[in-house]
Amino acid sequence: MPDTATLSIYRGDNDAGKMVDYEIPVQPGMVVLDAVHAVQAQHAGDLACRWNCKAGKCGSCSAEVNGKPRLMCMDRMDKYDPAEPISIRPMKTFPVIKDLVCDVSWNFEVNKKIPAFQPKEGTDWKFSQDEADRVQEFRKCIECFLCQDVCHVLREHQQKSGFGGPRFFVRVAGLEMHPLDDADRTALLKDDLGIGLCNITKCCTEVCPEHITITDNAIIPLKERVVDAFYDPVLWLWRKITGNGKK
């Protein structure tokens, strides 16, 4: 690895900013977050950057490195061409507070819409290991919001008013597929979270640092539940005959 590297970092806020180049010394084993810390220490003490665990488990240091959503603490410097500057920008989907720090509070407003776990009445709290494994995958989410950042419905079309995004389809999947949960969130998925807007490009699955199979294991099964509940002609006729609006 060369002795130095150039980082081109966004400096500014949501209204205005520019890319600024910094040259820093490089050590073996460095990750991009280490390089950003070197910029803070040697060139720009006011550079804003979120981070916490530096172990890929807190989801704080999300950014776009050379145009791709990454956790900076898990992105090694030696994977990049030393002859080219490494571009580091904040996540495009969210408003920029300062430099690499985004305002992700919208996500927590979406989270408030989702009904919590509701156990079945009289449950004995017993279920199989396979049932536990199915929902445990979704609990690995560290809320880095990289899946939200890369989702074109949010990133390109800014459909935050009627779309929840992959992170919250994962949360709903963890509840809806729990063997003891008795709540019905299909109307929420259809109307408030707008799951129909997702066209299953799998970009969210590709960027997930926890390797959650978001599209195949969460979004597609939830889409199937919505279709069964609201668009199945047999069920529609049954509801008309019986007056039962539930699944």
C-alpha atoms as a PDB file:
ATOM      1  CA  MET A   1       0.000   0.000   0.000  1.00  0.00           C
ATOM      2  CA  PRO A   2       1.283   3.505  -0.836  1.00  0.00           C
ATOM      3  CA  ASP A   3       2.331   5.803   1.987  1.00  0.00           C
ATOM      4  CA  THR A   4      -0.446   8.323   1.293  1.00  0.00           C
ATOM      5  CA  ALA A   5      -3.999   8.470  -0.027  1.00  0.00           C
ATOM      6  CA  THR A   6      -6.281  11.290  -1.131  1.00  0.00           C
ATOM      7  CA  LEU A   7      -9.791  11.541   0.230  1.00  0.00           C
ATOM      8  CA  SER A   8     -12.308  13.773  -1.538  1.00  0.00           C
ATOM      9  CA  ILE A   9     -14.910  14.522   1.166  1.00  0.00           C
ATOM     10  CA  TYR A  10     -18.169  16.435   0.957  1.00  0.00           C
ATOM     11  CA  ARG A  11     -18.057  19.560   3.125  1.00  0.00           C
ATOM     12  CA  GLY A  12     -21.268  21.508   3.629  1.00  0.00           C
ATOM     13  CA  ASP A  13     -24.917  21.006   4.472  1.00  0.00           C
ATOM     14  CA  ASN A  14     -28.182  20.284   2.670  1.00  0.00           C
ATOM     15  CA  ASP A  15     -28.248  23.684   0.978  1.00  0.00           C
ATOM     16  CA  ALA A  16     -24.706  23.999  -0.296  1.00  0.00           C
ATOM     17  CA  GLY A  17     -21.360  22.258  -0.196  1.00  0.00           C
ATOM     18  CA  LYS A  18     -18.353  21.090  -2.156  1.00  0.00           C
ATOM     19  CA  MET A  19     -15.881  18.245  -2.368  1.00  0.00           C
ATOM     20  CA  VAL A  20     -12.574  18.981  -0.622  1.00  0.00           C
ATOM     21  CA  ASP A  21      -9.415  16.902  -1.113  1.00  0.00           C
ATOM     22  CA  TYR A  22      -7.239  15.815   1.819  1.00  0.00           C
ATOM     23  CA  GLU A  23      -4.027  13.817   1.685  1.00  0.00           C
ATOM     24  CA  ILE A  24      -3.390  11.525   4.618  1.00  0.00           C
ATOM     25  CA  PRO A  25      -0.789   8.884   5.530  1.00  0.00           C
ATOM     26  CA  VAL A  26      -1.955   5.302   5.105  1.00  0.00           C
ATOM     27  CA  GLN A  27      -1.129   2.388   7.383  1.00  0.00           C
ATOM     28  CA  PRO A  28      -1.676  -1.338   6.760  1.00  0.00           C
ATOM     29  CA  GLY A  29      -5.154  -2.487   7.762  1.00  0.00           C
ATOM     30  CA  MET A  30      -6.752   0.945   7.601  1.00  0.00           C
ATOM     31  CA  VAL A  31     -10.430   1.280   6.858  1.00  0.00           C
ATOM     32  CA  VAL A  32     -12.133   4.335   5.390  1.00  0.00           C
ATOM     33  CA  LEU A  33     -13.286   5.472   8.846  1.00  0.00           C
ATOM     34  CA  ASP A  34      -9.657   5.466  10.010  1.00  0.00           C
ATOM     35  CA  ALA A  35      -8.819   7.688   7.060  1.00  0.00           C
ATOM     36  CA  VAL A  36     -11.647  10.090   7.920  1.00  0.00           C
ATOM     37  CA  HIS A  37     -10.345  10.244  11.490  1.00  0.00           C
ATOM     38  CA  ALA A  38      -6.902  11.059  10.111  1.00  0.00           C
ATOM     39  CA  VAL A  39      -8.425  13.959   8.170  1.00  0.00           C
ATOM     40  CA  GLN A  40     -10.071  15.206  11.355  1.00  0.00           C
ATOM     41  CA  ALA A  41      -6.826  14.928  13.290  1.00  0.00           C
ATOM     42  CA  GLN A  42      -4.501  16.456  10.703  1.00  0.00           C
ATOM     43  CA  HIS A  43      -6.517  18.778   8.459  1.00  0.00           C
ATOM     44  CA  ALA A  44     -10.128  19.479   9.474  1.00  0.00           C
ATOM     45  CA  GLY A  45     -11.037  19.213  13.122  1.00  0.00           C
ATOM     46  CA  ASP A  46     -14.544  20.467  12.338  1.00  0.00           C
ATOM     47  CA  LEU A  47     -15.326  17.643   9.873  1.00  0.00           C
ATOM     48  CA  ALA A  48     -18.624  16.097  11.012  1.00  0.00           C
ATOM     49  CA  CYS A  49     -18.872  12.296  10.936  1.00  0.00           C
ATOM     50  CA  ARG A  50     -20.951   9.835  12.963  1.00  0.00           C
ATOM     51  CA  TRP A  51     -19.371   6.681  14.334  1.00  0.00           C
ATOM     52  CA  ASN A  52     -19.497   4.579  17.478  1.00  0.00           C
ATOM     53  CA  CYS A  53     -18.468   0.922  17.613  1.00  0.00           C
ATOM     54  CA  LYS A  54     -15.979   0.688  14.692  1.00  0.00           C
ATOM     55  CA  ALA A  55     -16.989  -2.962  14.446  1.00  0.00           C
ATOM     56  CA  GLY A  56     -19.841  -2.925  11.939  1.00  0.00           C
ATOM     57  CA  LYS A  57     -22.525  -3.381  14.581  1.00  0.00           C
ATOM     58  CA  CYS A  58     -23.890   0.073  15.443  1.00  0.00           C
ATOM     59  CA  GLY A  59     -24.774   1.305  11.944  1.00  0.00           C
ATOM     60  CA  SER A  60     -23.562   4.845  12.683  1.00  0.00           C
ATOM     61  CA  CYS A  61     -20.866   5.432  10.072  1.00  0.00           C
ATOM     62  CA  SER A  62     -22.948   4.986   6.921  1.00  0.00           C
ATOM     63  CA  ALA A  63     -21.791   7.009   3.913  1.00  0.00           C
ATOM     64  CA  GLU A  64     -21.315   6.697   0.169  1.00  0.00           C
ATOM     65  CA  VAL A  65     -17.776   5.702  -0.769  1.00  0.00           C
ATOM     66  CA  ASN A  66     -17.007   6.074  -4.464  1.00  0.00           C
ATOM     67  CA  GLY A  67     -20.754   6.239  -5.038  1.00  0.00           C
ATOM     68  CA  LYS A  68     -21.695   3.078  -3.152  1.00  0.00           C
ATOM     69  CA  PRO A  69     -23.443   2.968   0.261  1.00  0.00           C
ATOM     70  CA  ARG A  70     -21.019   1.529   2.817  1.00  0.00           C
ATOM     71  CA  LEU A  71     -20.245   1.247   6.498  1.00  0.00           C
ATOM     72  CA  MET A  72     -16.962   3.151   6.559  1.00  0.00           C
ATOM     73  CA  CYS A  73     -15.633   1.064   9.438  1.00  0.00           C
ATOM     74  CA  MET A  74     -15.916  -2.101   7.355  1.00  0.00           C
ATOM     75  CA  ASP A  75     -14.563  -0.668   4.086  1.00  0.00           C
ATOM     76  CA  ARG A  76     -10.845  -1.357   3.705  1.00  0.00           C
ATOM     77  CA  MET A  77      -8.602   1.254   2.143  1.00  0.00           C
ATOM     78  CA  ASP A  78      -6.509  -1.314   0.270  1.00  0.00           C
ATOM     79  CA  LYS A  79      -9.453  -2.226  -1.990  1.00  0.00           C
ATOM     80  CA  TYR A  80      -9.304   1.180  -3.713  1.00  0.00           C
ATOM     81  CA  ASP A  81      -6.984   2.312  -6.483  1.00  0.00           C
ATOM     82  CA  PRO A  82      -4.225   4.315  -4.743  1.00  0.00           C
ATOM     83  CA  ALA A  83      -3.800   6.493  -7.818  1.00  0.00           C
ATOM     84  CA  GLU A  84      -7.359   7.845  -7.592  1.00  0.00           C
ATOM     85  CA  PRO A  85      -8.980  10.010  -4.882  1.00  0.00           C
ATOM     86  CA  ILE A  86     -11.529   8.180  -2.756  1.00  0.00           C
ATOM     87  CA  SER A  87     -14.845  10.037  -2.835  1.00  0.00           C
ATOM     88  CA  ILE A  88     -16.798  10.127   0.440  1.00  0.00           C
ATOM     89  CA  ARG A  89     -20.275  11.638   0.507  1.00  0.00           C
ATOM     90  CA  PRO A  90     -23.218  11.569   2.912  1.00  0.00           C
ATOM     91  CA  MET A  91     -26.192   9.312   2.154  1.00  0.00           C
ATOM     92  CA  LYS A  92     -28.140  10.841  -0.721  1.00  0.00           C
ATOM     93  CA  THR A  93     -31.593   9.811   0.501  1.00  0.00           C
ATOM     94  CA  PHE A  94     -31.559  11.928   3.665  1.00  0.00           C
ATOM     95  CA  PRO A  95     -31.080  15.650   4.367  1.00  0.00           C
ATOM     96  CA  VAL A  96     -27.503  16.602   5.207  1.00  0.00           C
ATOM     97  CA  ILE A  97     -26.996  18.244   8.586  1.00  0.00           C
ATOM     98  CA  LYS A  98     -23.263  18.802   8.113  1.00  0.00           C
ATOM     99  CA  ASP A  99     -20.596  17.107   6.022  1.00  0.00           C
ATOM    100  CA  LEU A 100     -21.110  13.346   6.369  1.00  0.00           C
ATOM    101  CA  VAL A 101     -23.881  13.551   8.978  1.00  0.00           C
ATOM    102  CA  CYS A 102     -27.451  13.088   7.758  1.00  0.00           C
ATOM    103  CA  ASP A 103     -30.815  13.662   9.422  1.00  0.00           C
ATOM    104  CA  VAL A 104     -32.315  10.160   9.552  1.00  0.00           C
ATOM    105  CA  SER A 105     -35.162  11.055  11.936  1.00  0.00           C
ATOM    106  CA  TRP A 106     -37.778  10.299   9.268  1.00  0.00           C
ATOM    107  CA  ASN A 107     -37.029   6.609   9.761  1.00  0.00           C
ATOM    108  CA  PHE A 108     -38.046   6.739  13.392  1.00  0.00           C
ATOM    109  CA  GLU A 109     -41.336   8.413  12.474  1.00  0.00           C
ATOM    110  CA  VAL A 110     -42.064   5.492  10.152  1.00  0.00           C
ATOM    111  CA  ASN A 111     -41.220   3.081  12.941  1.00  0.00           C
ATOM    112  CA  LYS A 112     -43.923   4.606  15.151  1.00  0.00           C
ATOM    113  CA  LYS A 113     -46.597   3.534  12.653  1.00  0.00           C
ATOM    114  CA  ILE A 114     -45.872  -0.167  13.092  1.00  0.00           C
ATOM    115  CA  PRO A 115     -47.941  -1.958  15.762  1.00  0.00           C
ATOM    116  CA  ALA A 116     -45.795  -3.773  18.299  1.00  0.00           C
ATOM    117  CA  PHE A 117     -45.747  -7.524  18.866  1.00  0.00           C
ATOM    118  CA  GLN A 118     -49.152  -8.803  19.968  1.00  0.00           C
ATOM    119  CA  PRO A 119     -49.176 -12.380  21.289  1.00  0.00           C
ATOM    120  CA  LYS A 120     -52.045 -14.681  20.488  1.00  0.00           C
ATOM    121  CA  GLU A 121     -54.569 -14.962  23.291  1.00  0.00           C
ATOM    122  CA  GLY A 122     -53.834 -17.893  25.569  1.00  0.00           C
ATOM    123  CA  THR A 123     -50.519 -18.689  23.874  1.00  0.00           C
ATOM    124  CA  ASP A 124     -48.282 -21.319  25.450  1.00  0.00           C
ATOM    125  CA  TRP A 125     -45.147 -19.501  24.163  1.00  0.00           C
ATOM    126  CA  LYS A 126     -43.882 -22.598  22.377  1.00  0.00           C
ATOM    127  CA  PHE A 127     -42.611 -22.684  18.801  1.00  0.00           C
ATOM    128  CA  SER A 128     -40.082 -24.621  16.770  1.00  0.00           C
ATOM    129  CA  GLN A 129     -36.449 -23.766  16.129  1.00  0.00           C
ATOM    130  CA  ASP A 130     -37.215 -23.353  12.419  1.00  0.00           C
ATOM    131  CA  GLU A 131     -39.878 -20.764  13.283  1.00  0.00           C
ATOM    132  CA  ALA A 132     -37.417 -18.953  15.525  1.00  0.00           C
ATOM    133  CA  ASP A 133     -34.718 -18.985  12.857  1.00  0.00           C
ATOM    134  CA  ARG A 134     -37.072 -17.495  10.275  1.00  0.00           C
ATOM    135  CA  VAL A 135     -37.704 -14.315  12.256  1.00  0.00           C
ATOM    136  CA  GLN A 136     -34.276 -14.139  13.902  1.00  0.00           C
ATOM    137  CA  GLU A 137     -32.723 -13.138  10.575  1.00  0.00           C
ATOM    138  CA  PHE A 138     -34.706  -9.898  10.631  1.00  0.00           C
ATOM    139  CA  ARG A 139     -33.535  -9.032  14.130  1.00  0.00           C
ATOM    140  CA  LYS A 140     -29.946  -8.711  12.867  1.00  0.00           C
ATOM    141  CA  CYS A 141     -30.742  -5.267  11.414  1.00  0.00           C
ATOM    142  CA  ILE A 142     -28.422  -2.576  12.860  1.00  0.00           C
ATOM    143  CA  GLU A 143     -30.361   0.342  11.367  1.00  0.00           C
ATOM    144  CA  CYS A 144     -27.481   1.639   9.295  1.00  0.00           C
ATOM    145  CA  PHE A 145     -30.167   2.694   6.770  1.00  0.00           C
ATOM    146  CA  LEU A 146     -27.972   1.740   3.813  1.00  0.00           C
ATOM    147  CA  CYS A 147     -30.941  -0.179   2.391  1.00  0.00           C
ATOM    148  CA  GLN A 148     -33.052   2.963   2.703  1.00  0.00           C
ATOM    149  CA  ASP A 149     -30.317   4.977   1.021  1.00  0.00           C
ATOM    150  CA  VAL A 150     -30.004   2.694  -1.990  1.00  0.00           C
ATOM    151  CA  CYS A 151     -33.765   2.127  -2.477  1.00  0.00           C
ATOM    152  CA  HIS A 152     -34.727   3.997  -5.656  1.00  0.00           C
ATOM    153  CA  VAL A 153     -38.244   4.778  -4.367  1.00  0.00           C
ATOM    154  CA  LEU A 154     -36.658   6.886  -1.633  1.00  0.00           C
ATOM    155  CA  ARG A 155     -33.355   7.831  -3.279  1.00  0.00           C
ATOM    156  CA  GLU A 156     -34.557   8.923  -6.702  1.00  0.00           C
ATOM    157  CA  HIS A 157     -38.265   9.588  -6.228  1.00  0.00           C
ATOM    158  CA  GLN A 158     -38.300  10.846  -2.613  1.00  0.00           C
ATOM    159  CA  GLN A 159     -41.544   8.984  -1.841  1.00  0.00           C
ATOM    160  CA  LYS A 160     -41.205   9.337   1.908  1.00  0.00           C
ATOM    161  CA  SER A 161     -44.857  10.279   2.449  1.00  0.00           C
ATOM    162  CA  GLY A 162     -46.279   6.942   1.342  1.00  0.00           C
ATOM    163  CA  PHE A 163     -43.452   4.431   1.535  1.00  0.00           C
ATOM    164  CA  GLY A 164     -41.732   2.758   4.460  1.00  0.00           C
ATOM    165  CA  GLY A 165     -38.640   1.393   2.773  1.00  0.00           C
ATOM    166  CA  PRO A 166     -36.820  -1.937   3.108  1.00  0.00           C
ATOM    167  CA  ARG A 167     -35.665  -1.408   6.684  1.00  0.00           C
ATOM    168  CA  PHE A 168     -39.260  -1.270   7.888  1.00  0.00           C
ATOM    169  CA  PHE A 169     -40.445  -4.091   5.666  1.00  0.00           C
ATOM    170  CA  VAL A 170     -37.809  -6.086   7.539  1.00  0.00           C
ATOM    171  CA  ARG A 171     -39.264  -4.964  10.860  1.00  0.00           C
ATOM    172  CA  VAL A 172     -42.814  -5.826   9.814  1.00  0.00           C
ATOM    173  CA  ALA A 173     -41.636  -9.203   8.512  1.00  0.00           C
ATOM    174  CA  GLY A 174     -40.082  -9.985  11.886  1.00  0.00           C
ATOM    175  CA  LEU A 175     -43.463  -9.361  13.507  1.00  0.00           C
ATOM    176  CA  GLU A 176     -45.829 -10.766  10.877  1.00  0.00           C
ATOM    177  CA  MET A 177     -43.878 -14.007  10.543  1.00  0.00           C
ATOM    178  CA  HIS A 178     -43.487 -14.545  14.264  1.00  0.00           C
ATOM    179  CA  PRO A 179     -45.448 -17.715  15.108  1.00  0.00           C
ATOM    180  CA  LEU A 180     -47.028 -16.155  18.198  1.00  0.00           C
ATOM    181  CA  ASP A 181     -47.949 -12.721  16.845  1.00  0.00           C
ATOM    182  CA  ASP A 182     -51.662 -12.128  16.286  1.00  0.00           C
ATOM    183  CA  ALA A 183     -51.726  -8.631  14.778  1.00  0.00           C
ATOM    184  CA  ASP A 184     -52.645  -7.958  11.148  1.00  0.00           C
ATOM    185  CA  ARG A 185     -50.431  -5.348   9.472  1.00  0.00           C
ATOM    186  CA  THR A 186     -51.401  -6.028   5.856  1.00  0.00           C
ATOM    187  CA  ALA A 187     -53.465  -2.835   5.543  1.00  0.00           C
ATOM    188  CA  LEU A 188     -50.548  -0.861   6.939  1.00  0.00           C
ATOM    189  CA  LEU A 189     -48.207  -2.458   4.397  1.00  0.00           C
ATOM    190  CA  LYS A 190     -50.578  -1.678   1.536  1.00  0.00           C
ATOM    191  CA  ASP A 191     -51.555   1.882   2.429  1.00  0.00           C
ATOM    192  CA  ASP A 192     -49.165   3.612   4.829  1.00  0.00           C
ATOM    193  CA  LEU A 193     -45.955   1.754   3.981  1.00  0.00           C
ATOM    194  CA  GLY A 194     -46.695   1.437   0.250  1.00  0.00           C
ATOM    195  CA  ILE A 195     -45.105  -1.950  -0.291  1.00  0.00           C
ATOM    196  CA  GLY A 196     -46.611  -2.038  -3.788  1.00  0.00           C
ATOM    197  CA  LEU A 197     -44.115   0.641  -4.870  1.00  0.00           C
ATOM    198  CA  CYS A 198     -41.209  -1.767  -4.379  1.00  0.00           C
ATOM    199  CA  ASN A 199     -40.293  -3.467  -7.653  1.00  0.00           C
ATOM    200  CA  ILE A 200     -37.907  -5.953  -6.022  1.00  0.00           C
ATOM    201  CA  THR A 201     -34.637  -4.859  -7.630  1.00  0.00           C
ATOM    202  CA  LYS A 202     -32.774  -6.467  -4.693  1.00  0.00           C
ATOM    203  CA  CYS A 203     -30.475  -3.468  -4.290  1.00  0.00           C
ATOM    204  CA  CYS A 204     -31.355  -3.389  -0.584  1.00  0.00           C
ATOM    205  CA  THR A 205     -30.253  -6.996  -0.130  1.00  0.00           C
ATOM    206  CA  GLU A 206     -26.982  -6.285  -1.931  1.00  0.00           C
ATOM    207  CA  VAL A 207     -25.908  -3.466   0.418  1.00  0.00           C
ATOM    208  CA  CYS A 208     -27.015  -4.988   3.739  1.00  0.00           C
ATOM    209  CA  PRO A 209     -23.902  -5.363   5.947  1.00  0.00           C
ATOM    210  CA  GLU A 210     -25.700  -7.996   8.048  1.00  0.00           C
ATOM    211  CA  HIS A 211     -26.473 -10.057   4.927  1.00  0.00           C
ATOM    212  CA  ILE A 212     -30.215 -10.081   5.556  1.00  0.00           C
ATOM    213  CA  THR A 213     -31.987 -11.443   2.493  1.00  0.00           C
ATOM    214  CA  ILE A 214     -34.368  -8.501   2.524  1.00  0.00           C
ATOM    215  CA  THR A 215     -36.067  -8.972  -0.836  1.00  0.00           C
ATOM    216  CA  ASP A 216     -36.622 -12.727  -0.919  1.00  0.00           C
ATOM    217  CA  ASN A 217     -37.237 -13.375   2.766  1.00  0.00           C
ATOM    218  CA  ALA A 218     -39.080 -10.219   3.848  1.00  0.00           C
ATOM    219  CA  ILE A 219     -40.481  -8.106   1.010  1.00  0.00           C
ATOM    220  CA  ILE A 220     -41.762 -10.801  -1.362  1.00  0.00           C
ATOM    221  CA  PRO A 221     -43.593 -12.800   1.369  1.00  0.00           C
ATOM    222  CA  LEU A 222     -45.154  -9.565   2.657  1.00  0.00           C
ATOM    223  CA  LYS A 223     -46.261  -8.643  -0.866  1.00  0.00           C
ATOM    224  CA  GLU A 224     -47.886 -12.070  -1.148  1.00  0.00           C
ATOM    225  CA  ARG A 225     -49.799 -11.479   2.073  1.00  0.00           C
ATOM    226  CA  VAL A 226     -51.086  -8.144   0.829  1.00  0.00           C
ATOM    227  CA  VAL A 227     -52.186  -9.687  -2.481  1.00  0.00           C
ATOM    228  CA  ASP A 228     -53.948 -12.541  -0.670  1.00  0.00           C
ATOM    229  CA  ALA A 229     -55.722 -10.142   1.681  1.00  0.00           C
ATOM    230  CA  PHE A 230     -56.833  -7.469  -0.795  1.00  0.00           C
ATOM    231  CA  TYR A 231     -56.655  -8.750  -4.364  1.00  0.00           C
ATOM    232  CA  ASP A 232     -57.557 -12.445  -4.260  1.00  0.00           C
ATOM    233  CA  PRO A 233     -60.959 -12.634  -6.031  1.00  0.00           C
ATOM    234  CA  VAL A 234     -62.154 -15.611  -3.983  1.00  0.00           C
ATOM    235  CA  LEU A 235     -61.373 -13.896  -0.691  1.00  0.00           C
ATOM    236  CA  TRP A 236     -62.899 -10.670  -1.996  1.00  0.00           C
ATOM    237  CA  LEU A 237     -66.159 -12.507  -2.798  1.00  0.00           C
ATOM    238  CA  TRP A 238     -66.103 -14.239   0.584  1.00  0.00           C
ATOM    239  CA  ARG A 239     -65.769 -10.909   2.366  1.00  0.00           C
ATOM    240  CA  LYS A 240     -68.667  -9.512   0.341  1.00  0.00           C
ATOM    241  CA  ILE A 241     -70.876 -12.470   1.247  1.00  0.00           C
ATOM    242  CA  THR A 242     -69.928 -12.696   4.903  1.00  0.00           C
ATOM    243  CA  GLY A 243     -69.244  -9.026   5.607  1.00  0.00           C
ATOM    244  CA  ASN A 244     -65.964 -10.067   7.194  1.00  0.00           C
ATOM    245  CA  GLY A 245     -63.285  -7.500   6.328  1.00  0.00           C
ATOM    246  CA  LYS A 246     -60.436  -9.536   7.797  1.00  0.00           C
ATOM    247  CA  LYS A 247     -58.271 -12.099   6.078  1.00  0.00           C
END
